[in-house]
Structure formats: C-alpha cells, structure tokens
Amino acid sequence: MKNYTFRVIIEPDGKNAFHGFVPSLLGCHTWGYSIEETKKNLKEAIRCHIQGLLKDKQNIPQADESMEIIQTFTEKELALA
C-alpha cells in the first residue's frame, strides 16, 4: 500500500477560527473553530480533492523534500529603525 504525504498549513484567520490549506493541492482549503477540527476537516478536504483528481485522470502531487522555516529579523536588519 502506497503512502501519500502532504504539507498542510493551519493558521488563525482572525475570526476565532483557523484556516487550513494544502499548498501542493491548489484549491484545497478548509477551516474549523479549533486546530483539531481544522485538522479533521483537512483530512476530508484532501480525500475529496484526491478523489476528484483520480476521477479526472490527473496525477496526485507528491510533497518533495522541501523545508519550511520561520526566520526572525530585527527592525535594524529590515532597515525599519
């Protein structure tokens, strides 16, 4: 059985809820009132998205060996001070 790995991003949406999306699956977005609810909804959104791709005889995108990092800058480094 083959495994599929997708990078997902969950972020606050500013309305006491969370927005979740999958960058490699264009248009695959969802939301929830909690991170756990958003994760659950993302699983369903991914499944539906993949089923649509298969129905349309399209390839399933695979996550590459990319890395995501968060960088912090001082105001001076950004020339804001």
PDB file of N, CA and C in Angstrom:
ATOM      1  N   MET A   1       0.837  -1.169   0.000  1.00  0.00           N
ATOM      2  CA  MET A   1       0.000   0.000   0.000  1.00  0.00           C
ATOM      3  C   MET A   1       0.891   1.245   0.000  1.00  0.00           C
ATOM      4  N   LYS A   2       0.581   2.197  -0.858  1.00  0.00           N
ATOM      5  CA  LYS A   2       1.388   3.411  -1.003  1.00  0.00           C
ATOM      6  C   LYS A   2       0.931   4.474  -0.007  1.00  0.00           C
ATOM      7  N   ASN A   3       1.894   5.219   0.535  1.00  0.00           N
ATOM      8  CA  ASN A   3       1.595   6.344   1.415  1.00  0.00           C
ATOM      9  C   ASN A   3       1.744   7.649   0.636  1.00  0.00           C
ATOM     10  N   TYR A   4       0.925   8.610   0.961  1.00  0.00           N
ATOM     11  CA  TYR A   4       0.982   9.937   0.368  1.00  0.00           C
ATOM     12  C   TYR A   4       1.214  10.948   1.483  1.00  0.00           C
ATOM     13  N   THR A   5       2.140  11.861   1.261  1.00  0.00           N
ATOM     14  CA  THR A   5       2.469  12.867   2.268  1.00  0.00           C
ATOM     15  C   THR A   5       2.191  14.249   1.695  1.00  0.00           C
ATOM     16  N   PHE A   6       1.492  15.057   2.468  1.00  0.00           N
ATOM     17  CA  PHE A   6       1.167  16.412   2.053  1.00  0.00           C
ATOM     18  C   PHE A   6       1.518  17.376   3.174  1.00  0.00           C
ATOM     19  N   ARG A   7       2.130  18.487   2.815  1.00  0.00           N
ATOM     20  CA  ARG A   7       2.383  19.557   3.779  1.00  0.00           C
ATOM     21  C   ARG A   7       1.092  20.341   3.930  1.00  0.00           C
ATOM     22  N   VAL A   8       0.660  20.527   5.159  1.00  0.00           N
ATOM     23  CA  VAL A   8      -0.543  21.308   5.430  1.00  0.00           C
ATOM     24  C   VAL A   8      -0.162  22.498   6.304  1.00  0.00           C
ATOM     25  N   ILE A   9      -0.880  23.575   6.134  1.00  0.00           N
ATOM     26  CA  ILE A   9      -0.651  24.776   6.928  1.00  0.00           C
ATOM     27  C   ILE A   9      -1.968  25.152   7.592  1.00  0.00           C
ATOM     28  N   ILE A  10      -1.886  25.387   8.889  1.00  0.00           N
ATOM     29  CA  ILE A  10      -3.050  25.838   9.654  1.00  0.00           C
ATOM     30  C   ILE A  10      -2.648  27.135  10.328  1.00  0.00           C
ATOM     31  N   GLU A  11      -3.467  28.160  10.134  1.00  0.00           N
ATOM     32  CA  GLU A  11      -3.167  29.454  10.725  1.00  0.00           C
ATOM     33  C   GLU A  11      -4.454  30.108  11.223  1.00  0.00           C
ATOM     34  N   PRO A  12      -4.350  30.962  12.243  1.00  0.00           N
ATOM     35  CA  PRO A  12      -5.536  31.672  12.715  1.00  0.00           C
ATOM     36  C   PRO A  12      -6.074  32.556  11.594  1.00  0.00           C
ATOM     37  N   ASP A  13      -7.399  32.669  11.515  1.00  0.00           N
ATOM     38  CA  ASP A  13      -7.961  33.503  10.456  1.00  0.00           C
ATOM     39  C   ASP A  13      -8.486  34.837  10.974  1.00  0.00           C
ATOM     40  N   GLY A  14      -8.279  35.109  12.264  1.00  0.00           N
ATOM     41  CA  GLY A  14      -8.685  36.389  12.819  1.00  0.00           C
ATOM     42  C   GLY A  14     -10.140  36.471  13.210  1.00  0.00           C
ATOM     43  N   LYS A  15     -10.865  35.397  13.097  1.00  0.00           N
ATOM     44  CA  LYS A  15     -12.289  35.385  13.420  1.00  0.00           C
ATOM     45  C   LYS A  15     -12.606  34.281  14.427  1.00  0.00           C
ATOM     46  N   ASN A  16     -11.682  34.046  15.366  1.00  0.00           N
ATOM     47  CA  ASN A  16     -11.828  32.972  16.348  1.00  0.00           C
ATOM     48  C   ASN A  16     -11.977  31.607  15.686  1.00  0.00           C
ATOM     49  N   ALA A  17     -11.277  31.426  14.566  1.00  0.00           N
ATOM     50  CA  ALA A  17     -11.293  30.164  13.853  1.00  0.00           C
ATOM     51  C   ALA A  17      -9.924  29.976  13.200  1.00  0.00           C
ATOM     52  N   PHE A  18      -9.762  28.875  12.493  1.00  0.00           N
ATOM     53  CA  PHE A  18      -8.494  28.552  11.852  1.00  0.00           C
ATOM     54  C   PHE A  18      -8.729  28.189  10.392  1.00  0.00           C
ATOM     55  N   HIS A  19      -7.797  28.594   9.549  1.00  0.00           N
ATOM     56  CA  HIS A  19      -7.823  28.288   8.117  1.00  0.00           C
ATOM     57  C   HIS A  19      -6.749  27.245   7.858  1.00  0.00           C
ATOM     58  N   GLY A  20      -7.101  26.195   7.147  1.00  0.00           N
ATOM     59  CA  GLY A  20      -6.139  25.162   6.794  1.00  0.00           C
ATOM     60  C   GLY A  20      -6.103  24.973   5.289  1.00  0.00           C
ATOM     61  N   PHE A  21      -4.896  24.741   4.760  1.00  0.00           N
ATOM     62  CA  PHE A  21      -4.793  24.503   3.329  1.00  0.00           C
ATOM     63  C   PHE A  21      -3.586  23.631   3.013  1.00  0.00           C
ATOM     64  N   VAL A  22      -3.583  23.100   1.804  1.00  0.00           N
ATOM     65  CA  VAL A  22      -2.527  22.209   1.327  1.00  0.00           C
ATOM     66  C   VAL A  22      -1.895  22.866   0.100  1.00  0.00           C
ATOM     67  N   PRO A  23      -0.695  23.432   0.231  1.00  0.00           N
ATOM     68  CA  PRO A  23      -0.092  24.156  -0.890  1.00  0.00           C
ATOM     69  C   PRO A  23       0.042  23.350  -2.183  1.00  0.00           C
ATOM     70  N   SER A  24       0.312  22.063  -2.090  1.00  0.00           N
ATOM     71  CA  SER A  24       0.504  21.267  -3.308  1.00  0.00           C
ATOM     72  C   SER A  24      -0.812  20.855  -3.965  1.00  0.00           C
ATOM     73  N   LEU A  25      -1.928  21.070  -3.286  1.00  0.00           N
ATOM     74  CA  LEU A  25      -3.242  20.752  -3.855  1.00  0.00           C
ATOM     75  C   LEU A  25      -4.008  22.060  -4.028  1.00  0.00           C
ATOM     76  N   LEU A  26      -3.815  22.691  -5.162  1.00  0.00           N
ATOM     77  CA  LEU A  26      -4.415  24.003  -5.397  1.00  0.00           C
ATOM     78  C   LEU A  26      -5.924  23.974  -5.172  1.00  0.00           C
ATOM     79  N   GLY A  27      -6.392  24.894  -4.356  1.00  0.00           N
ATOM     80  CA  GLY A  27      -7.813  24.984  -4.063  1.00  0.00           C
ATOM     81  C   GLY A  27      -8.268  24.140  -2.897  1.00  0.00           C
ATOM     82  N   CYS A  28      -7.360  23.420  -2.268  1.00  0.00           N
ATOM     83  CA  CYS A  28      -7.723  22.558  -1.137  1.00  0.00           C
ATOM     84  C   CYS A  28      -7.592  23.369   0.152  1.00  0.00           C
ATOM     85  N   HIS A  29      -8.716  23.946   0.574  1.00  0.00           N
ATOM     86  CA  HIS A  29      -8.785  24.799   1.761  1.00  0.00           C
ATOM     87  C   HIS A  29      -9.948  24.353   2.635  1.00  0.00           C
ATOM     88  N   THR A  30      -9.844  24.617   3.919  1.00  0.00           N
ATOM     89  CA  THR A  30     -10.948  24.372   4.836  1.00  0.00           C
ATOM     90  C   THR A  30     -10.739  25.228   6.071  1.00  0.00           C
ATOM     91  N   TRP A  31     -11.596  25.095   7.050  1.00  0.00           N
ATOM     92  CA  TRP A  31     -11.464  25.860   8.282  1.00  0.00           C
ATOM     93  C   TRP A  31     -12.104  25.089   9.428  1.00  0.00           C
ATOM     94  N   GLY A  32     -11.893  25.581  10.633  1.00  0.00           N
ATOM     95  CA  GLY A  32     -12.502  24.996  11.817  1.00  0.00           C
ATOM     96  C   GLY A  32     -12.382  25.961  12.975  1.00  0.00           C
ATOM     97  N   TYR A  33     -13.163  25.713  14.016  1.00  0.00           N
ATOM     98  CA  TYR A  33     -13.124  26.575  15.204  1.00  0.00           C
ATOM     99  C   TYR A  33     -11.947  26.253  16.115  1.00  0.00           C
ATOM    100  N   SER A  34     -11.291  25.115  15.879  1.00  0.00           N
ATOM    101  CA  SER A  34     -10.110  24.732  16.651  1.00  0.00           C
ATOM    102  C   SER A  34      -9.099  24.106  15.690  1.00  0.00           C
ATOM    103  N   ILE A  35      -7.868  23.964  16.157  1.00  0.00           N
ATOM    104  CA  ILE A  35      -6.857  23.310  15.326  1.00  0.00           C
ATOM    105  C   ILE A  35      -7.255  21.865  15.064  1.00  0.00           C
ATOM    106  N   GLU A  36      -7.748  21.183  16.096  1.00  0.00           N
ATOM    107  CA  GLU A  36      -8.159  19.783  15.913  1.00  0.00           C
ATOM    108  C   GLU A  36      -9.282  19.647  14.894  1.00  0.00           C
ATOM    109  N   GLU A  37     -10.269  20.542  14.965  1.00  0.00           N
ATOM    110  CA  GLU A  37     -11.371  20.498  13.995  1.00  0.00           C
ATOM    111  C   GLU A  37     -10.851  20.786  12.590  1.00  0.00           C
ATOM    112  N   THR A  38      -9.925  21.732  12.477  1.00  0.00           N
ATOM    113  CA  THR A  38      -9.355  22.063  11.169  1.00  0.00           C
ATOM    114  C   THR A  38      -8.562  20.887  10.616  1.00  0.00           C
ATOM    115  N   LYS A  39      -7.789  20.193  11.461  1.00  0.00           N
ATOM    116  CA  LYS A  39      -7.053  19.004  11.018  1.00  0.00           C
ATOM    117  C   LYS A  39      -8.012  17.934  10.504  1.00  0.00           C
ATOM    118  N   LYS A  40      -9.099  17.717  11.230  1.00  0.00           N
ATOM    119  CA  LYS A  40     -10.105  16.730  10.809  1.00  0.00           C
ATOM    120  C   LYS A  40     -10.718  17.132   9.464  1.00  0.00           C
ATOM    121  N   ASN A  41     -11.048  18.404   9.334  1.00  0.00           N
ATOM    122  CA  ASN A  41     -11.635  18.888   8.085  1.00  0.00           C
ATOM    123  C   ASN A  41     -10.641  18.818   6.935  1.00  0.00           C
ATOM    124  N   LEU A  42      -9.356  19.028   7.228  1.00  0.00           N
ATOM    125  CA  LEU A  42      -8.333  18.914   6.184  1.00  0.00           C
ATOM    126  C   LEU A  42      -8.241  17.485   5.648  1.00  0.00           C
ATOM    127  N   LYS A  43      -8.332  16.503   6.528  1.00  0.00           N
ATOM    128  CA  LYS A  43      -8.296  15.106   6.053  1.00  0.00           C
ATOM    129  C   LYS A  43      -9.423  14.854   5.054  1.00  0.00           C
ATOM    130  N   GLU A  44     -10.605  15.346   5.369  1.00  0.00           N
ATOM    131  CA  GLU A  44     -11.751  15.180   4.474  1.00  0.00           C
ATOM    132  C   GLU A  44     -11.536  15.961   3.175  1.00  0.00           C
ATOM    133  N   ALA A  45     -11.031  17.190   3.279  1.00  0.00           N
ATOM    134  CA  ALA A  45     -10.793  18.006   2.086  1.00  0.00           C
ATOM    135  C   ALA A  45      -9.746  17.364   1.184  1.00  0.00           C
ATOM    136  N   ILE A  46      -8.689  16.830   1.770  1.00  0.00           N
ATOM    137  CA  ILE A  46      -7.640  16.160   0.984  1.00  0.00           C
ATOM    138  C   ILE A  46      -8.217  14.942   0.283  1.00  0.00           C
ATOM    139  N   ARG A  47      -8.968  14.142   1.034  1.00  0.00           N
ATOM    140  CA  ARG A  47      -9.565  12.931   0.442  1.00  0.00           C
ATOM    141  C   ARG A  47     -10.462  13.288  -0.743  1.00  0.00           C
ATOM    142  N   CYS A  48     -11.308  14.283  -0.580  1.00  0.00           N
ATOM    143  CA  CYS A  48     -12.207  14.699  -1.663  1.00  0.00           C
ATOM    144  C   CYS A  48     -11.420  15.246  -2.857  1.00  0.00           C
ATOM    145  N   HIS A  49     -10.388  16.022  -2.571  1.00  0.00           N
ATOM    146  CA  HIS A  49      -9.566  16.597  -3.634  1.00  0.00           C
ATOM    147  C   HIS A  49      -8.880  15.495  -4.442  1.00  0.00           C
ATOM    148  N   ILE A  50      -8.300  14.531  -3.748  1.00  0.00           N
ATOM    149  CA  ILE A  50      -7.610  13.425  -4.426  1.00  0.00           C
ATOM    150  C   ILE A  50      -8.587  12.594  -5.239  1.00  0.00           C
ATOM    151  N   GLN A  51      -9.769  12.323  -4.682  1.00  0.00           N
ATOM    152  CA  GLN A  51     -10.772  11.572  -5.441  1.00  0.00           C
ATOM    153  C   GLN A  51     -11.145  12.301  -6.725  1.00  0.00           C
ATOM    154  N   GLY A  52     -11.227  13.639  -6.665  1.00  0.00           N
ATOM    155  CA  GLY A  52     -11.517  14.426  -7.862  1.00  0.00           C
ATOM    156  C   GLY A  52     -10.402  14.330  -8.888  1.00  0.00           C
ATOM    157  N   LEU A  53      -9.151  14.388  -8.405  1.00  0.00           N
ATOM    158  CA  LEU A  53      -8.018  14.243  -9.317  1.00  0.00           C
ATOM    159  C   LEU A  53      -8.045  12.885 -10.012  1.00  0.00           C
ATOM    160  N   LEU A  54      -8.293  11.829  -9.238  1.00  0.00           N
ATOM    161  CA  LEU A  54      -8.331  10.484  -9.826  1.00  0.00           C
ATOM    162  C   LEU A  54      -9.475  10.345 -10.823  1.00  0.00           C
ATOM    163  N   LYS A  55     -10.626  10.917 -10.499  1.00  0.00           N
ATOM    164  CA  LYS A  55     -11.779  10.866 -11.405  1.00  0.00           C
ATOM    165  C   LYS A  55     -11.456  11.555 -12.725  1.00  0.00           C
ATOM    166  N   ASP A  56     -10.682  12.660 -12.640  1.00  0.00           N
ATOM    167  CA  ASP A  56     -10.297  13.402 -13.833  1.00  0.00           C
ATOM    168  C   ASP A  56      -9.025  12.860 -14.483  1.00  0.00           C
ATOM    169  N   LYS A  57      -8.556  11.711 -13.982  1.00  0.00           N
ATOM    170  CA  LYS A  57      -7.355  11.051 -14.512  1.00  0.00           C
ATOM    171  C   LYS A  57      -6.108  11.948 -14.459  1.00  0.00           C
ATOM    172  N   GLN A  58      -5.973  12.685 -13.351  1.00  0.00           N
ATOM    173  CA  GLN A  58      -4.805  13.534 -13.139  1.00  0.00           C
ATOM    174  C   GLN A  58      -3.887  12.892 -12.110  1.00  0.00           C
ATOM    175  N   ASN A  59      -2.626  13.268 -12.151  1.00  0.00           N
ATOM    176  CA  ASN A  59      -1.656  12.747 -11.195  1.00  0.00           C
ATOM    177  C   ASN A  59      -1.874  13.357  -9.817  1.00  0.00           C
ATOM    178  N   ILE A  60      -1.528  12.597  -8.797  1.00  0.00           N
ATOM    179  CA  ILE A  60      -1.590  13.085  -7.423  1.00  0.00           C
ATOM    180  C   ILE A  60      -0.250  13.727  -7.107  1.00  0.00           C
ATOM    181  N   PRO A  61      -0.240  15.029  -6.818  1.00  0.00           N
ATOM    182  CA  PRO A  61       1.032  15.689  -6.489  1.00  0.00           C
ATOM    183  C   PRO A  61       1.639  15.090  -5.224  1.00  0.00           C
ATOM    184  N   GLN A  62       2.949  14.992  -5.208  1.00  0.00           N
ATOM    185  CA  GLN A  62       3.665  14.477  -4.041  1.00  0.00           C
ATOM    186  C   GLN A  62       4.520  15.579  -3.449  1.00  0.00           C
ATOM    187  N   ALA A  63       4.561  15.631  -2.139  1.00  0.00           N
ATOM    188  CA  ALA A  63       5.426  16.598  -1.462  1.00  0.00           C
ATOM    189  C   ALA A  63       6.875  16.221  -1.735  1.00  0.00           C
ATOM    190  N   ASP A  64       7.672  17.227  -2.070  1.00  0.00           N
ATOM    191  CA  ASP A  64       9.085  16.953  -2.275  1.00  0.00           C
ATOM    192  C   ASP A  64       9.807  17.081  -0.944  1.00  0.00           C
ATOM    193  N   GLU A  65      11.075  17.051  -0.981  1.00  0.00           N
ATOM    194  CA  GLU A  65      11.855  17.131   0.251  1.00  0.00           C
ATOM    195  C   GLU A  65      12.121  18.585   0.608  1.00  0.00           C
ATOM    196  N   SER A  66      11.073  19.384   0.612  1.00  0.00           N
ATOM    197  CA  SER A  66      11.231  20.796   0.935  1.00  0.00           C
ATOM    198  C   SER A  66      11.327  21.001   2.440  1.00  0.00           C
ATOM    199  N   MET A  67      11.785  22.177   2.806  1.00  0.00           N
ATOM    200  CA  MET A  67      11.914  22.507   4.223  1.00  0.00           C
ATOM    201  C   MET A  67      11.204  23.833   4.447  1.00  0.00           C
ATOM    202  N   GLU A  68      10.502  23.912   5.533  1.00  0.00           N
ATOM    203  CA  GLU A  68       9.849  25.152   5.897  1.00  0.00           C
ATOM    204  C   GLU A  68      10.465  25.653   7.196  1.00  0.00           C
ATOM    205  N   ILE A  69      10.845  26.931   7.212  1.00  0.00           N
ATOM    206  CA  ILE A  69      11.440  27.501   8.407  1.00  0.00           C
ATOM    207  C   ILE A  69      10.778  28.838   8.706  1.00  0.00           C
ATOM    208  N   ILE A  70      10.925  29.274   9.917  1.00  0.00           N
ATOM    209  CA  ILE A  70      10.465  30.589  10.323  1.00  0.00           C
ATOM    210  C   ILE A  70      11.704  31.383  10.697  1.00  0.00           C
ATOM    211  N   GLN A  71      11.865  32.552  10.104  1.00  0.00           N
ATOM    212  CA  GLN A  71      13.021  33.388  10.393  1.00  0.00           C
ATOM    213  C   GLN A  71      12.572  34.653  11.117  1.00  0.00           C
ATOM    214  N   THR A  72      13.383  35.099  12.056  1.00  0.00           N
ATOM    215  CA  THR A  72      13.108  36.317  12.802  1.00  0.00           C
ATOM    216  C   THR A  72      14.136  37.373  12.424  1.00  0.00           C
ATOM    217  N   PHE A  73      13.674  38.600  12.210  1.00  0.00           N
ATOM    218  CA  PHE A  73      14.526  39.710  11.854  1.00  0.00           C
ATOM    219  C   PHE A  73      14.325  40.840  12.847  1.00  0.00           C
ATOM    220  N   THR A  74      15.389  41.564  13.128  1.00  0.00           N
ATOM    221  CA  THR A  74      15.267  42.765  13.949  1.00  0.00           C
ATOM    222  C   THR A  74      14.803  43.911  13.044  1.00  0.00           C
ATOM    223  N   GLU A  75      14.300  44.981  13.670  1.00  0.00           N
ATOM    224  CA  GLU A  75      13.923  46.150  12.889  1.00  0.00           C
ATOM    225  C   GLU A  75      15.120  46.708  12.128  1.00  0.00           C
ATOM    226  N   LYS A  76      16.292  46.643  12.755  1.00  0.00           N
ATOM    227  CA  LYS A  76      17.510  47.150  12.110  1.00  0.00           C
ATOM    228  C   LYS A  76      17.833  46.350  10.863  1.00  0.00           C
ATOM    229  N   GLU A  77      17.731  45.020  10.944  1.00  0.00           N
ATOM    230  CA  GLU A  77      18.016  44.175   9.786  1.00  0.00           C
ATOM    231  C   GLU A  77      17.057  44.477   8.620  1.00  0.00           C
ATOM    232  N   LEU A  78      15.864  44.876   8.949  1.00  0.00           N
ATOM    233  CA  LEU A  78      14.882  45.207   7.916  1.00  0.00           C
ATOM    234  C   LEU A  78      14.920  46.688   7.557  1.00  0.00           C
ATOM    235  N   ALA A  79      15.848  47.413   8.171  1.00  0.00           N
ATOM    236  CA  ALA A  79      16.014  48.855   7.938  1.00  0.00           C
ATOM    237  C   ALA A  79      14.743  49.623   8.266  1.00  0.00           C
ATOM    238  N   LEU A  80      14.067  49.204   9.353  1.00  0.00           N
ATOM    239  CA  LEU A  80      12.863  49.888   9.781  1.00  0.00           C
ATOM    240  C   LEU A  80      13.118  50.836  10.935  1.00  0.00           C
ATOM    241  N   ALA A  81      14.266  50.669  11.581  1.00  0.00           N
ATOM    242  CA  ALA A  81      14.563  51.506  12.749  1.00  0.00           C
ATOM    243  C   ALA A  81      15.395  52.709  12.376  1.00  0.00           C
TER     244      ALA A  81
END
